[in-house]
N, C-alpha and C. Protein backbone atom coordinates (compact mmCIF):
# COMPACT_ATOMS: atom_id res chain seq x y z
N UNK A 1 -49.93 52.96 38.54
CA UNK A 1 -49.96 52.10 39.39
C UNK A 1 -48.55 51.20 39.58
N UNK A 2 -48.05 51.01 37.76
CA UNK A 2 -46.57 50.74 38.23
C UNK A 2 -45.55 51.69 39.03
N UNK A 3 -46.08 52.79 39.04
CA UNK A 3 -44.82 53.89 40.17
C UNK A 3 -45.22 53.57 41.61
N UNK A 4 -46.86 53.43 41.59
CA UNK A 4 -46.88 53.04 43.22
C UNK A 4 -46.36 51.97 43.86
N UNK A 5 -46.09 50.72 42.78
CA UNK A 5 -45.79 49.89 43.10
C UNK A 5 -44.04 49.79 43.38
N UNK A 6 -43.07 50.92 42.74
CA UNK A 6 -42.17 50.85 42.56
C UNK A 6 -41.61 51.52 43.79
N UNK A 7 -42.32 52.35 44.19
CA UNK A 7 -42.28 53.12 45.35
C UNK A 7 -42.52 52.20 47.00
N UNK A 8 -43.57 51.53 46.58
CA UNK A 8 -43.77 50.61 47.59
C UNK A 8 -42.62 49.47 48.14
N UNK A 9 -41.68 48.82 46.96
CA UNK A 9 -40.81 48.35 46.72
C UNK A 9 -39.32 48.97 47.30
N UNK A 10 -39.35 50.34 46.48
CA UNK A 10 -38.23 51.21 47.12
C UNK A 10 -38.30 51.43 48.98
N UNK A 11 -39.43 51.52 49.28
CA UNK A 11 -39.66 52.01 50.51
C UNK A 11 -39.41 50.58 51.60
N UNK A 12 -39.85 49.19 51.08
CA UNK A 12 -39.88 48.23 51.96
C UNK A 12 -38.03 48.01 51.78
N UNK A 13 -37.41 48.14 50.60
CA UNK A 13 -35.94 47.53 50.76
C UNK A 13 -35.49 48.44 51.31
N UNK A 14 -35.90 50.04 51.53
CA UNK A 14 -34.98 50.62 52.83
C UNK A 14 -35.50 50.71 54.22
N UNK A 15 -36.39 50.32 54.83
CA UNK A 15 -37.08 49.62 55.84
C UNK A 15 -36.19 48.38 56.03
N UNK A 16 -36.05 47.09 55.40
CA UNK A 16 -35.05 46.45 55.58
C UNK A 16 -33.71 46.74 55.89
N UNK A 17 -33.08 47.64 55.01
CA UNK A 17 -31.84 47.97 55.21
C UNK A 17 -31.39 48.70 56.42
N UNK A 18 -32.62 49.82 56.97
CA UNK A 18 -32.42 50.05 57.97
C UNK A 18 -32.44 49.27 59.39
N UNK A 19 -33.68 48.14 59.23
CA UNK A 19 -33.49 47.11 60.02
C UNK A 19 -32.58 46.18 60.43
N UNK A 20 -31.56 45.99 58.99
CA UNK A 20 -30.51 45.58 59.38
C UNK A 20 -29.35 46.25 60.00
N UNK A 21 -29.08 47.52 59.73
CA UNK A 21 -28.69 48.07 60.58
C UNK A 21 -28.38 48.23 61.81
N UNK A 22 -29.81 48.22 62.57
CA UNK A 22 -30.18 48.87 63.50
C UNK A 22 -30.35 47.58 64.70
N UNK A 23 -30.57 46.40 63.51
CA UNK A 23 -30.14 44.87 64.13
C UNK A 23 -28.43 44.86 64.60
N UNK A 24 -27.29 45.29 63.55
CA UNK A 24 -25.99 45.00 64.06
C UNK A 24 -25.92 46.00 65.15
N UNK A 25 -26.15 47.48 65.18
CA UNK A 25 -25.92 48.42 66.28
C UNK A 25 -26.62 47.66 67.27
N UNK A 26 -27.78 46.89 67.51
CA UNK A 26 -27.73 46.42 68.77
C UNK A 26 -27.19 45.77 69.28
N UNK A 27 -26.92 44.73 68.49
CA UNK A 27 -26.06 43.52 69.18
C UNK A 27 -24.74 43.98 69.48
N UNK A 28 -24.14 44.80 68.59
CA UNK A 28 -22.91 45.83 69.06
C UNK A 28 -22.84 46.21 70.21
N UNK A 29 -23.73 47.24 70.80
CA UNK A 29 -24.03 47.51 72.26
C UNK A 29 -24.31 46.80 72.96
N UNK A 30 -24.91 45.52 72.87
CA UNK A 30 -25.26 44.35 73.74
C UNK A 30 -24.18 43.30 74.08
N UNK A 31 -23.04 43.34 73.15
CA UNK A 31 -21.81 42.92 73.74
C UNK A 31 -21.29 42.94 75.00
N UNK A 32 -20.56 42.04 75.56
CA UNK A 32 -20.33 42.61 76.90
C UNK A 32 -19.12 43.02 76.69
N UNK A 33 -18.18 43.39 78.02
CA UNK A 33 -17.26 44.49 78.09
C UNK A 33 -16.12 43.39 77.85
N UNK A 34 -16.23 42.34 78.10
CA UNK A 34 -14.79 41.25 77.64
C UNK A 34 -14.42 41.17 76.43
N UNK A 35 -15.77 41.65 75.66
CA UNK A 35 -15.75 41.17 74.16
C UNK A 35 -14.78 42.27 73.46
N UNK A 36 -14.37 43.12 73.96
CA UNK A 36 -13.57 44.38 73.40
C UNK A 36 -12.42 43.92 72.87
N UNK A 37 -12.01 44.69 71.55
CA UNK A 37 -11.13 44.11 70.59
C UNK A 37 -9.52 44.46 71.48
N UNK A 38 -8.67 43.72 71.28
CA UNK A 38 -7.75 43.42 71.77
C UNK A 38 -6.53 43.97 70.97
N UNK A 39 -5.37 44.68 71.19
CA UNK A 39 -4.32 45.19 70.65
C UNK A 39 -3.12 44.27 70.82
N UNK A 40 -2.26 44.32 70.11
CA UNK A 40 -1.07 43.30 70.05
C UNK A 40 -0.46 43.77 71.58
N UNK A 41 -0.01 44.87 71.86
CA UNK A 41 0.56 45.41 73.04
C UNK A 41 0.07 45.06 74.65
N UNK A 42 -0.55 44.12 74.65
CA UNK A 42 -1.87 44.08 76.01
C UNK A 42 -2.78 44.87 76.31
N UNK A 43 -3.05 45.63 75.49
CA UNK A 43 -4.32 46.97 75.61
C UNK A 43 -5.49 46.36 74.80
N UNK A 44 -6.62 47.30 75.49
CA UNK A 44 -8.01 46.73 74.52
C UNK A 44 -8.46 48.11 74.19
N UNK A 45 -9.02 48.24 72.71
CA UNK A 45 -9.58 49.27 72.58
C UNK A 45 -10.65 49.80 73.16
N UNK A 46 -10.85 50.89 73.49
CA UNK A 46 -12.31 51.57 74.57
C UNK A 46 -12.73 52.65 73.51
N UNK A 47 -12.25 52.73 72.06
CA UNK A 47 -12.89 53.96 71.61
C UNK A 47 -11.93 53.81 70.23
N UNK A 48 -12.37 54.76 69.50
CA UNK A 48 -12.14 54.57 68.22
C UNK A 48 -10.24 54.98 68.12
N UNK A 49 -10.13 56.05 69.02
CA UNK A 49 -8.43 56.52 69.08
C UNK A 49 -7.94 56.15 70.45
N UNK A 50 -8.75 55.61 71.13
CA UNK A 50 -8.27 55.25 72.51
C UNK A 50 -8.15 53.75 73.05
N UNK A 51 -7.06 53.80 74.08
CA UNK A 51 -6.73 52.37 74.42
C UNK A 51 -6.34 52.53 75.84
N UNK A 52 -6.66 51.30 76.49
CA UNK A 52 -6.12 50.99 77.60
C UNK A 52 -5.48 49.68 78.23
N UNK A 53 -4.40 49.96 79.36
CA UNK A 53 -4.09 48.16 79.28
C UNK A 53 -4.84 47.34 80.00
N UNK A 54 -4.85 45.97 79.65
CA UNK A 54 -5.98 45.27 79.84
C UNK A 54 -5.64 44.65 81.28
N UNK A 55 -4.57 45.04 82.05
CA UNK A 55 -4.18 44.55 83.24
C UNK A 55 -4.65 45.44 84.47
N UNK A 56 -5.64 44.96 85.66
CA UNK A 56 -5.77 45.97 86.49
C UNK A 56 -4.58 46.83 87.52
N UNK A 57 -5.08 47.88 87.76
CA UNK A 57 -4.03 48.57 88.54
C UNK A 57 -3.61 47.89 90.16
N UNK A 58 -2.55 48.52 90.71
CA UNK A 58 -2.28 48.20 92.21
C UNK A 58 -3.61 48.46 92.81
N UNK A 59 -4.35 49.75 93.07
CA UNK A 59 -4.94 49.92 93.74
C UNK A 59 -6.43 49.28 93.61
N UNK A 60 -6.53 48.50 92.44
CA UNK A 60 -7.94 47.63 92.61
C UNK A 60 -7.86 46.56 93.31
N UNK A 61 -6.75 46.31 93.63
CA UNK A 61 -6.79 44.99 94.76
C UNK A 61 -6.16 45.83 95.99
N UNK A 62 -5.76 46.80 96.49
CA UNK A 62 -5.69 47.75 97.60
C UNK A 62 -5.91 48.52 97.85
N UNK A 63 -6.75 49.26 98.23
CA UNK A 63 -7.09 50.30 98.67
C UNK A 63 -6.59 51.20 99.36
N UNK A 64 -5.58 50.63 99.93
CA UNK A 64 -4.84 51.59 100.48
C UNK A 64 -3.88 52.76 99.85
N UNK A 65 -3.60 51.90 98.26
CA UNK A 65 -3.12 52.81 97.28
C UNK A 65 -4.13 53.62 96.68
N UNK A 66 -4.67 53.93 96.55
CA UNK A 66 -5.56 54.98 95.80
C UNK A 66 -5.44 55.69 96.22
N UNK A 67 -5.01 56.84 95.26
CA UNK A 67 -4.49 58.36 95.47
C UNK A 67 -6.30 59.01 95.81
N UNK A 68 -5.96 60.20 97.00
CA UNK A 68 -7.11 61.05 97.08
C UNK A 68 -6.75 61.97 98.10
N UNK A 69 -7.56 63.04 97.47
CA UNK A 69 -7.60 64.43 98.14
C UNK A 69 -8.76 64.73 99.47
N UNK A 70 -8.36 64.49 100.27
CA UNK A 70 -9.09 64.78 101.99
C UNK A 70 -8.79 66.14 102.09
N UNK A 71 -10.31 66.60 102.11
CA UNK A 71 -10.33 67.66 103.34
C UNK A 71 -11.35 67.31 104.49
N UNK A 72 -10.74 67.47 105.43
CA UNK A 72 -11.77 67.02 106.61
C UNK A 72 -12.37 67.88 107.30
N UNK A 73 -13.83 67.94 107.54
CA UNK A 73 -15.14 68.53 107.84
C UNK A 73 -14.48 69.16 109.63
N UNK A 74 -14.69 70.55 109.90
CA UNK A 74 -14.14 70.93 111.09
C UNK A 74 -15.38 70.26 111.76
N UNK A 75 -16.73 70.09 111.67
CA UNK A 75 -17.73 69.34 112.41
C UNK A 75 -17.82 68.41 113.16
N UNK A 76 -17.41 67.50 112.04
CA UNK A 76 -17.12 65.72 112.35
C UNK A 76 -15.76 65.38 112.61
N UNK A 77 -14.84 66.01 112.38
CA UNK A 77 -13.26 65.60 112.66
C UNK A 77 -12.41 67.05 113.56
N UNK A 78 -12.21 66.23 114.62
CA UNK A 78 -11.51 67.41 115.64
C UNK A 78 -10.32 66.95 116.10
N UNK A 79 -10.28 65.56 115.76
CA UNK A 79 -8.93 64.60 116.31
C UNK A 79 -8.50 63.88 115.72
N UNK A 80 -7.34 63.61 116.09
CA UNK A 80 -6.59 62.81 115.15
C UNK A 80 -7.31 61.51 114.95
N UNK A 81 -7.95 60.80 115.72
CA UNK A 81 -8.74 59.71 116.03
C UNK A 81 -9.53 59.80 114.82
N UNK A 82 -10.28 60.96 114.35
CA UNK A 82 -11.35 61.36 113.73
C UNK A 82 -10.62 61.05 112.16
N UNK A 83 -9.94 61.70 112.35
CA UNK A 83 -9.12 62.15 110.90
C UNK A 83 -8.73 60.64 110.10
N UNK A 84 -8.01 59.72 111.16
CA UNK A 84 -7.98 58.54 110.81
C UNK A 84 -9.14 57.59 110.41
N UNK A 85 -10.36 57.46 111.36
CA UNK A 85 -11.23 56.62 110.59
C UNK A 85 -11.90 57.66 109.23
N UNK A 86 -11.70 58.65 109.29
CA UNK A 86 -12.59 59.52 108.30
C UNK A 86 -11.85 59.05 106.94
N UNK A 87 -10.30 58.84 106.74
CA UNK A 87 -9.50 58.62 105.86
C UNK A 87 -9.84 57.17 105.44
N UNK A 88 -10.07 56.34 106.38
CA UNK A 88 -10.39 55.19 105.85
C UNK A 88 -12.07 54.85 105.24
N UNK A 89 -12.77 55.51 105.51
CA UNK A 89 -14.22 55.55 104.91
C UNK A 89 -13.84 54.79 103.35
N UNK A 90 -14.82 54.02 103.33
CA UNK A 90 -14.73 53.44 101.91
C UNK A 90 -13.61 52.90 100.96
N UNK A 91 -12.92 52.67 102.42
CA UNK A 91 -11.69 51.82 101.82
C UNK A 91 -11.92 50.20 102.12
N UNK A 92 -12.84 50.29 102.65
CA UNK A 92 -12.74 48.71 103.55
C UNK A 92 -12.19 48.37 104.31
N UNK A 93 -11.19 49.27 104.74
CA UNK A 93 -10.08 48.75 106.15
C UNK A 93 -10.93 49.53 107.52
N UNK A 94 -10.41 49.16 108.56
CA UNK A 94 -11.02 49.80 109.54
C UNK A 94 -10.06 50.05 110.91
N UNK A 95 -9.73 50.75 111.76
CA UNK A 95 -9.15 51.05 113.17
C UNK A 95 -9.42 50.04 114.10
N UNK A 96 -8.63 49.38 114.64
CA UNK A 96 -8.89 48.52 115.95
C UNK A 96 -9.68 49.08 116.54
N UNK A 97 -10.49 48.53 117.81
CA UNK A 97 -10.73 49.37 119.07
C UNK A 97 -9.75 50.02 119.66
N UNK A 98 -10.12 50.89 120.36
CA UNK A 98 -8.80 51.81 121.33
C UNK A 98 -8.56 51.07 122.15
N UNK A 99 -9.52 50.41 122.79
CA UNK A 99 -9.28 49.58 124.13
C UNK A 99 -8.04 48.43 123.46
N UNK A 100 -7.67 48.02 122.27
CA UNK A 100 -6.89 47.05 122.02
C UNK A 100 -5.42 48.16 121.90
N UNK A 101 -5.27 49.11 121.64
CA UNK A 101 -4.05 50.02 121.85
C UNK A 101 -3.42 50.22 123.22
N UNK A 102 -2.33 50.51 122.82
CA UNK A 102 -1.73 51.10 124.30
C UNK A 102 -1.83 52.56 124.68
N UNK A 103 -2.30 52.61 126.21
CA UNK A 103 -2.26 54.12 126.22
C UNK A 103 -2.08 55.01 125.69
N UNK A 104 -0.51 55.13 125.38
CA UNK A 104 0.22 56.27 124.62
C UNK A 104 -0.52 56.36 123.50
N UNK A 105 -1.01 55.38 122.58
CA UNK A 105 -1.63 55.08 121.28
C UNK A 105 -3.21 55.75 121.41
N UNK A 106 -3.76 55.56 122.55
CA UNK A 106 -4.91 55.83 122.56
C UNK A 106 -4.87 57.47 123.39
N UNK A 107 -4.30 57.77 124.02
CA UNK A 107 -4.12 59.35 124.11
C UNK A 107 -3.44 60.20 122.57
N UNK A 108 -3.15 59.57 121.84
CA UNK A 108 -2.36 60.50 120.67
C UNK A 108 -3.28 60.52 120.06
N UNK A 109 -4.57 59.34 119.68
CA UNK A 109 -5.86 59.80 118.98
C UNK A 109 -6.70 60.70 119.22
N UNK A 110 -6.58 60.75 120.78
CA UNK A 110 -7.49 62.31 121.14
C UNK A 110 -6.81 63.19 120.98
N UNK A 111 -5.59 63.80 120.63
CA UNK A 111 -5.08 64.95 120.42
C UNK A 111 -5.72 65.51 119.42
N UNK A 112 -5.73 66.89 119.53
CA UNK A 112 -6.69 67.59 118.17
C UNK A 112 -5.75 67.67 117.43
N UNK A 113 -6.47 67.30 115.81
CA UNK A 113 -5.85 67.53 114.40
C UNK A 113 -5.60 68.73 113.98
N UNK A 114 -3.84 68.63 113.98
CA UNK A 114 -3.35 70.23 113.63
C UNK A 114 -4.06 70.61 112.13
N UNK A 115 -4.09 71.95 112.25
CA UNK A 115 -4.69 72.61 111.12
C UNK A 115 -3.89 72.60 110.13
N UNK A 116 -2.64 72.52 109.69
CA UNK A 116 -1.78 72.10 109.00
C UNK A 116 -2.48 70.84 108.09
N UNK A 117 -2.83 69.88 109.08
CA UNK A 117 -3.36 68.59 107.88
C UNK A 117 -5.02 68.57 107.79
N UNK A 118 -5.40 69.47 107.78
CA UNK A 118 -6.90 69.86 107.64
C UNK A 118 -7.03 69.43 106.29
N UNK A 119 -5.95 69.69 105.08
CA UNK A 119 -6.04 69.21 104.07
C UNK A 119 -5.13 68.57 103.25
N UNK A 120 -5.45 67.48 102.69
CA UNK A 120 -4.26 66.72 102.45
C UNK A 120 -4.22 65.91 101.00
N UNK A 121 -3.76 66.01 100.24
CA UNK A 121 -3.81 64.97 99.09
C UNK A 121 -3.13 66.09 97.69
N UNK A 122 -3.03 65.37 96.86
CA UNK A 122 -3.53 64.34 96.29
C UNK A 122 -2.60 63.21 96.65
N UNK A 123 -2.91 62.31 97.64
CA UNK A 123 -1.66 61.17 98.12
C UNK A 123 -2.22 59.89 97.96
N UNK A 124 -1.59 59.17 98.29
CA UNK A 124 -2.17 57.53 98.52
C UNK A 124 -2.63 57.51 99.88
N UNK A 125 -3.78 56.86 100.12
CA UNK A 125 -4.21 56.82 101.39
C UNK A 125 -3.58 56.33 102.38
N UNK A 126 -2.55 55.36 102.31
CA UNK A 126 -1.44 55.13 103.04
C UNK A 126 -1.02 56.11 103.53
N UNK A 127 -0.19 56.84 102.64
CA UNK A 127 0.36 57.92 102.95
C UNK A 127 -0.32 58.73 103.79
N UNK A 128 -1.36 59.40 103.71
CA UNK A 128 -2.32 60.15 104.23
C UNK A 128 -2.42 59.67 105.47
N UNK A 129 -2.31 58.71 105.95
CA UNK A 129 -2.36 58.41 107.29
C UNK A 129 -0.87 57.93 108.25
N UNK A 130 0.10 57.66 107.41
CA UNK A 130 1.46 58.23 107.78
C UNK A 130 1.40 59.55 107.99
N UNK A 131 1.30 60.71 107.27
CA UNK A 131 0.65 61.93 107.87
C UNK A 131 0.54 62.21 109.07
N UNK A 132 -0.80 61.59 109.21
CA UNK A 132 -1.52 61.93 110.38
C UNK A 132 -0.74 61.60 111.29
N UNK A 133 -0.02 60.42 111.36
CA UNK A 133 0.84 59.85 112.80
C UNK A 133 1.88 60.57 112.87
N UNK A 134 2.62 60.79 111.75
CA UNK A 134 4.16 61.50 112.13
C UNK A 134 5.25 60.36 111.77
N UNK A 135 6.13 60.75 112.40
CA UNK A 135 7.32 59.49 112.44
C UNK A 135 7.61 59.04 113.64
N UNK A 136 6.53 59.38 114.76
CA UNK A 136 6.81 58.90 116.00
C UNK A 136 6.27 57.26 115.95
N UNK A 137 5.43 57.39 115.26
CA UNK A 137 4.25 56.06 115.21
C UNK A 137 4.64 54.89 114.19
N UNK A 138 4.25 53.59 113.97
CA UNK A 138 4.18 53.18 112.56
C UNK A 138 3.09 51.93 112.81
N UNK A 139 2.58 51.66 111.28
CA UNK A 139 1.41 51.41 111.12
C UNK A 139 1.65 49.96 110.82
N UNK A 140 0.56 49.35 111.62
CA UNK A 140 0.52 47.56 111.27
C UNK A 140 -0.65 47.18 110.66
N UNK A 141 -0.86 46.06 110.03
CA UNK A 141 -1.84 45.76 109.11
C UNK A 141 -1.89 44.47 109.30
N UNK A 142 -3.52 43.90 109.58
CA UNK A 142 -4.04 42.80 109.13
C UNK A 142 -4.53 42.37 107.89
N UNK A 143 -4.32 42.50 106.71
CA UNK A 143 -5.10 42.05 105.68
C UNK A 143 -5.92 41.15 105.43
N UNK A 144 -6.09 40.24 106.23
CA UNK A 144 -7.07 39.12 106.17
C UNK A 144 -8.66 39.85 106.68
N UNK A 145 -8.29 40.37 107.79
CA UNK A 145 -9.70 41.44 108.33
C UNK A 145 -9.48 42.83 108.11
N UNK A 146 -8.43 43.20 107.02
CA UNK A 146 -8.47 44.54 107.08
C UNK A 146 -8.30 45.73 108.36
N UNK A 147 -7.85 45.37 109.10
CA UNK A 147 -7.59 46.14 109.96
C UNK A 147 -6.12 46.89 110.19
N UNK A 148 -6.31 47.75 111.18
CA UNK A 148 -5.21 48.75 111.17
C UNK A 148 -4.92 48.89 112.87
N UNK A 149 -3.56 49.21 112.97
CA UNK A 149 -3.27 49.99 114.41
C UNK A 149 -1.83 49.80 114.48
N UNK A 150 -1.52 50.56 115.01
CA UNK A 150 -0.29 51.47 115.26
C UNK A 150 0.90 51.59 116.53
N UNK A 151 2.04 51.22 116.75
CA UNK A 151 2.72 51.66 117.75
C UNK A 151 3.87 52.15 117.97
N UNK A 152 4.47 52.83 118.75
CA UNK A 152 5.92 53.68 118.86
C UNK A 152 7.09 53.11 117.90
N UNK A 153 7.71 53.62 117.29
CA UNK A 153 8.46 52.90 116.52
C UNK A 153 9.80 52.57 117.17
N UNK A 154 10.71 51.86 117.14
CA UNK A 154 11.83 51.66 117.65
C UNK A 154 12.30 52.40 118.29
N UNK A 155 12.90 53.09 117.15
CA UNK A 155 13.46 54.44 117.54
C UNK A 155 13.14 55.27 118.78
N UNK A 156 11.96 55.28 119.03
CA UNK A 156 11.39 56.57 119.83
C UNK A 156 11.62 55.30 121.03
N UNK A 157 10.80 54.08 120.96
CA UNK A 157 10.96 53.40 121.79
C UNK A 157 11.93 53.21 122.83
N UNK A 158 13.28 53.04 121.71
CA UNK A 158 14.59 52.83 122.68
C UNK A 158 14.77 54.11 123.28
N UNK A 159 14.28 55.41 122.66
CA UNK A 159 14.76 56.60 123.50
C UNK A 159 13.92 56.75 125.08
N UNK A 160 12.64 55.96 124.91
CA UNK A 160 11.86 56.02 125.99
C UNK A 160 12.25 55.36 127.18
N UNK A 161 12.58 54.18 126.59
CA UNK A 161 13.46 53.41 127.59
C UNK A 161 14.48 53.93 128.46
N UNK A 162 15.20 54.14 127.40
CA UNK A 162 17.08 54.58 127.67
C UNK A 162 16.48 56.51 128.87
N UNK A 163 15.25 57.10 128.53
CA UNK A 163 14.88 58.34 129.07
C UNK A 163 14.35 57.61 130.79
N UNK A 164 13.86 56.84 131.00
CA UNK A 164 13.17 55.77 132.12
C UNK A 164 14.24 55.43 132.67
N UNK A 165 15.22 54.56 132.06
CA UNK A 165 16.57 54.39 132.96
C UNK A 165 17.38 55.11 133.39
N UNK A 166 17.67 56.29 132.69
CA UNK A 166 18.50 57.27 132.96
C UNK A 166 17.82 57.72 134.58
N UNK A 167 16.68 58.29 134.53
CA UNK A 167 15.63 58.60 135.48
C UNK A 167 16.04 57.53 136.39
N UNK A 168 15.84 56.51 136.83
CA UNK A 168 15.60 55.37 137.73
C UNK A 168 17.34 55.42 138.20
N UNK A 169 18.30 55.39 137.31
CA UNK A 169 19.91 55.68 137.69
C UNK A 169 19.93 56.99 138.82
N UNK A 170 19.14 57.96 137.92
CA UNK A 170 19.48 59.17 139.08
C UNK A 170 19.26 59.23 140.09
N UNK A 171 18.04 58.83 140.55
CA UNK A 171 17.11 58.36 142.13
C UNK A 171 18.19 57.73 142.90
N UNK A 172 18.63 56.58 142.11
CA UNK A 172 19.14 55.57 142.84
C UNK A 172 20.73 55.86 143.43
N UNK A 173 21.05 56.91 142.64
CA UNK A 173 22.40 57.45 143.14
C UNK A 173 22.24 58.65 143.94
N UNK A 174 21.17 59.37 143.77
CA UNK A 174 21.04 60.31 145.00
C UNK A 174 21.07 59.80 146.53
N UNK A 175 22.14 60.73 147.33
CA UNK A 175 22.40 60.26 148.80
C UNK A 175 21.60 61.01 149.54
N UNK A 176 20.87 59.94 150.20
CA UNK A 176 19.95 60.66 151.38
C UNK A 176 20.17 61.25 152.60
N UNK A 177 19.64 62.15 153.06
CA UNK A 177 20.53 62.95 154.30
C UNK A 177 20.45 62.64 155.51
N UNK A 178 21.77 61.98 155.97
CA UNK A 178 21.95 61.30 157.09
C UNK A 178 21.43 61.67 158.27
N UNK A 179 20.70 60.38 158.49
CA UNK A 179 19.32 61.05 160.47
C UNK A 179 20.79 61.37 161.11
N UNK A 180 20.39 62.23 161.81
CA UNK A 180 21.49 63.06 163.25
C UNK A 180 20.67 62.50 164.23
N UNK A 181 21.41 62.49 165.27
CA UNK A 181 21.14 62.21 166.79
C UNK A 181 20.10 63.19 166.99
N UNK A 182 18.94 62.73 167.95
CA UNK A 182 18.11 63.53 168.35
C UNK A 182 18.25 64.86 169.23
N UNK A 183 19.48 64.44 169.83
CA UNK A 183 20.07 65.21 171.19
C UNK A 183 20.69 66.22 170.09
N UNK A 184 21.40 66.49 169.08
CA UNK A 184 22.23 67.20 168.53
C UNK A 184 21.36 68.69 167.89
N UNK A 185 20.19 68.00 167.57
CA UNK A 185 19.69 68.81 167.01
C UNK A 185 18.86 70.08 168.33
N UNK A 186 18.94 71.35 167.30
CA UNK A 186 18.25 72.23 167.99
C UNK A 186 16.54 71.98 168.19
N UNK A 187 16.37 72.67 169.40
CA UNK A 187 15.11 71.94 170.04
C UNK A 187 14.19 73.26 170.66
N UNK A 188 12.92 72.78 171.33
CA UNK A 188 12.51 74.04 172.05
C UNK A 188 12.88 73.84 173.40
N UNK A 189 12.91 74.67 174.37
CA UNK A 189 13.38 74.69 175.59
C UNK A 189 13.23 73.55 176.69
N UNK A 190 11.90 73.53 176.20
CA UNK A 190 11.47 72.36 177.05
C UNK A 190 12.19 70.66 176.36
N UNK A 191 12.48 70.82 175.22
CA UNK A 191 13.15 69.60 174.64
C UNK A 191 14.69 69.67 175.14
N UNK A 192 15.22 70.82 174.93
CA UNK A 192 16.70 71.06 175.90
C UNK A 192 16.50 70.48 177.59
N UNK A 193 15.81 70.89 178.17
CA UNK A 193 15.51 70.44 179.76
C UNK A 193 15.21 68.99 179.92
N UNK A 194 14.69 68.06 178.59
CA UNK A 194 13.74 66.62 178.79
C UNK A 194 15.33 66.45 178.88
N UNK A 195 16.30 66.72 177.76
CA UNK A 195 17.54 66.65 177.02
C UNK A 195 18.69 66.13 178.26
N UNK A 196 18.56 67.03 179.37
CA UNK A 196 19.73 67.14 180.09
C UNK A 196 18.95 67.07 181.91
N UNK A 197 17.78 66.50 181.45
CA UNK A 197 17.40 66.35 183.03
C UNK A 197 17.80 64.49 183.16
N UNK A 198 17.90 64.82 184.44
CA UNK A 198 18.58 63.17 184.96
C UNK A 198 17.42 62.07 184.59
N UNK A 199 18.00 60.85 184.23
CA UNK A 199 16.73 59.87 184.02
C UNK A 199 16.71 58.51 185.19
N UNK A 200 17.92 58.96 186.46
CA UNK A 200 18.18 57.55 187.13
C UNK A 200 17.81 58.08 188.44
N UNK A 201 17.96 57.37 189.63
CA UNK A 201 18.17 58.12 191.13
C UNK A 201 19.67 58.24 191.22
N UNK A 202 20.53 57.36 190.65
CA UNK A 202 21.85 57.77 190.86
C UNK A 202 22.47 58.64 190.15
N UNK A 203 22.01 58.69 189.23
CA UNK A 203 22.50 60.16 188.31
C UNK A 203 21.82 61.58 188.86
N UNK A 204 20.63 61.22 189.54
CA UNK A 204 19.99 62.43 190.32
C UNK A 204 21.47 62.78 191.69
N UNK A 205 21.49 61.58 192.27
CA UNK A 205 22.32 62.17 193.60
C UNK A 205 23.61 62.58 193.03
N UNK A 206 24.35 61.89 191.89
CA UNK A 206 25.35 62.46 191.26
C UNK A 206 25.31 63.99 190.97
N UNK A 207 24.39 64.11 190.08
CA UNK A 207 23.85 65.59 189.86
C UNK A 207 23.92 66.81 190.99
N UNK A 208 23.26 66.29 192.33
CA UNK A 208 23.38 67.23 193.42
C UNK A 208 24.51 67.09 194.29
N UNK A 209 25.17 66.24 194.11
CA UNK A 209 26.57 66.21 194.70
C UNK A 209 27.44 66.81 193.67
N UNK A 210 27.29 67.45 192.71
CA UNK A 210 28.37 68.24 191.89
C UNK A 210 27.49 69.57 192.22
């Protein structure tokens, strides 16, 4: 009888210890993430032997700074514009409507995607966008509405203007072919007869006298 009572008491004690341990473990697991133990250098302990910085990385607030490796699917991405829109997926940014772009920019978006750009990365998203456009174009950002558009870089814009001005100057300095007197041009026998025929009665009498 005494042994049975002792065994029962021991089992109850063990159950109490286990219950206490489970309660502590449950409470620890239920602790919010902000209650993680801080380390002196500004890091937080995320494991027994690992820590991480307690400050957000730049890409957390700037999705265009995230590193990505992109393989553009052939069926869905065929043009430069398709590649730009595919790159912006899940970044929260979007390209402005094509109607808001210049005619040159709209035509550029319709060009086929180069095969050498079919797989890009790991680069920052902004770097991938820069690669897709090349050095001829430059991006502009509207961080308030997270919209993107692009224009010709100043260097290429100046070259375009210079080329247009040179072409206009060349046309302006071209000498036109001088007009010749119609009677000095060779023509048909009928034209020659018309040119030599008298036009007045006096000229007719003079011609008859000769």
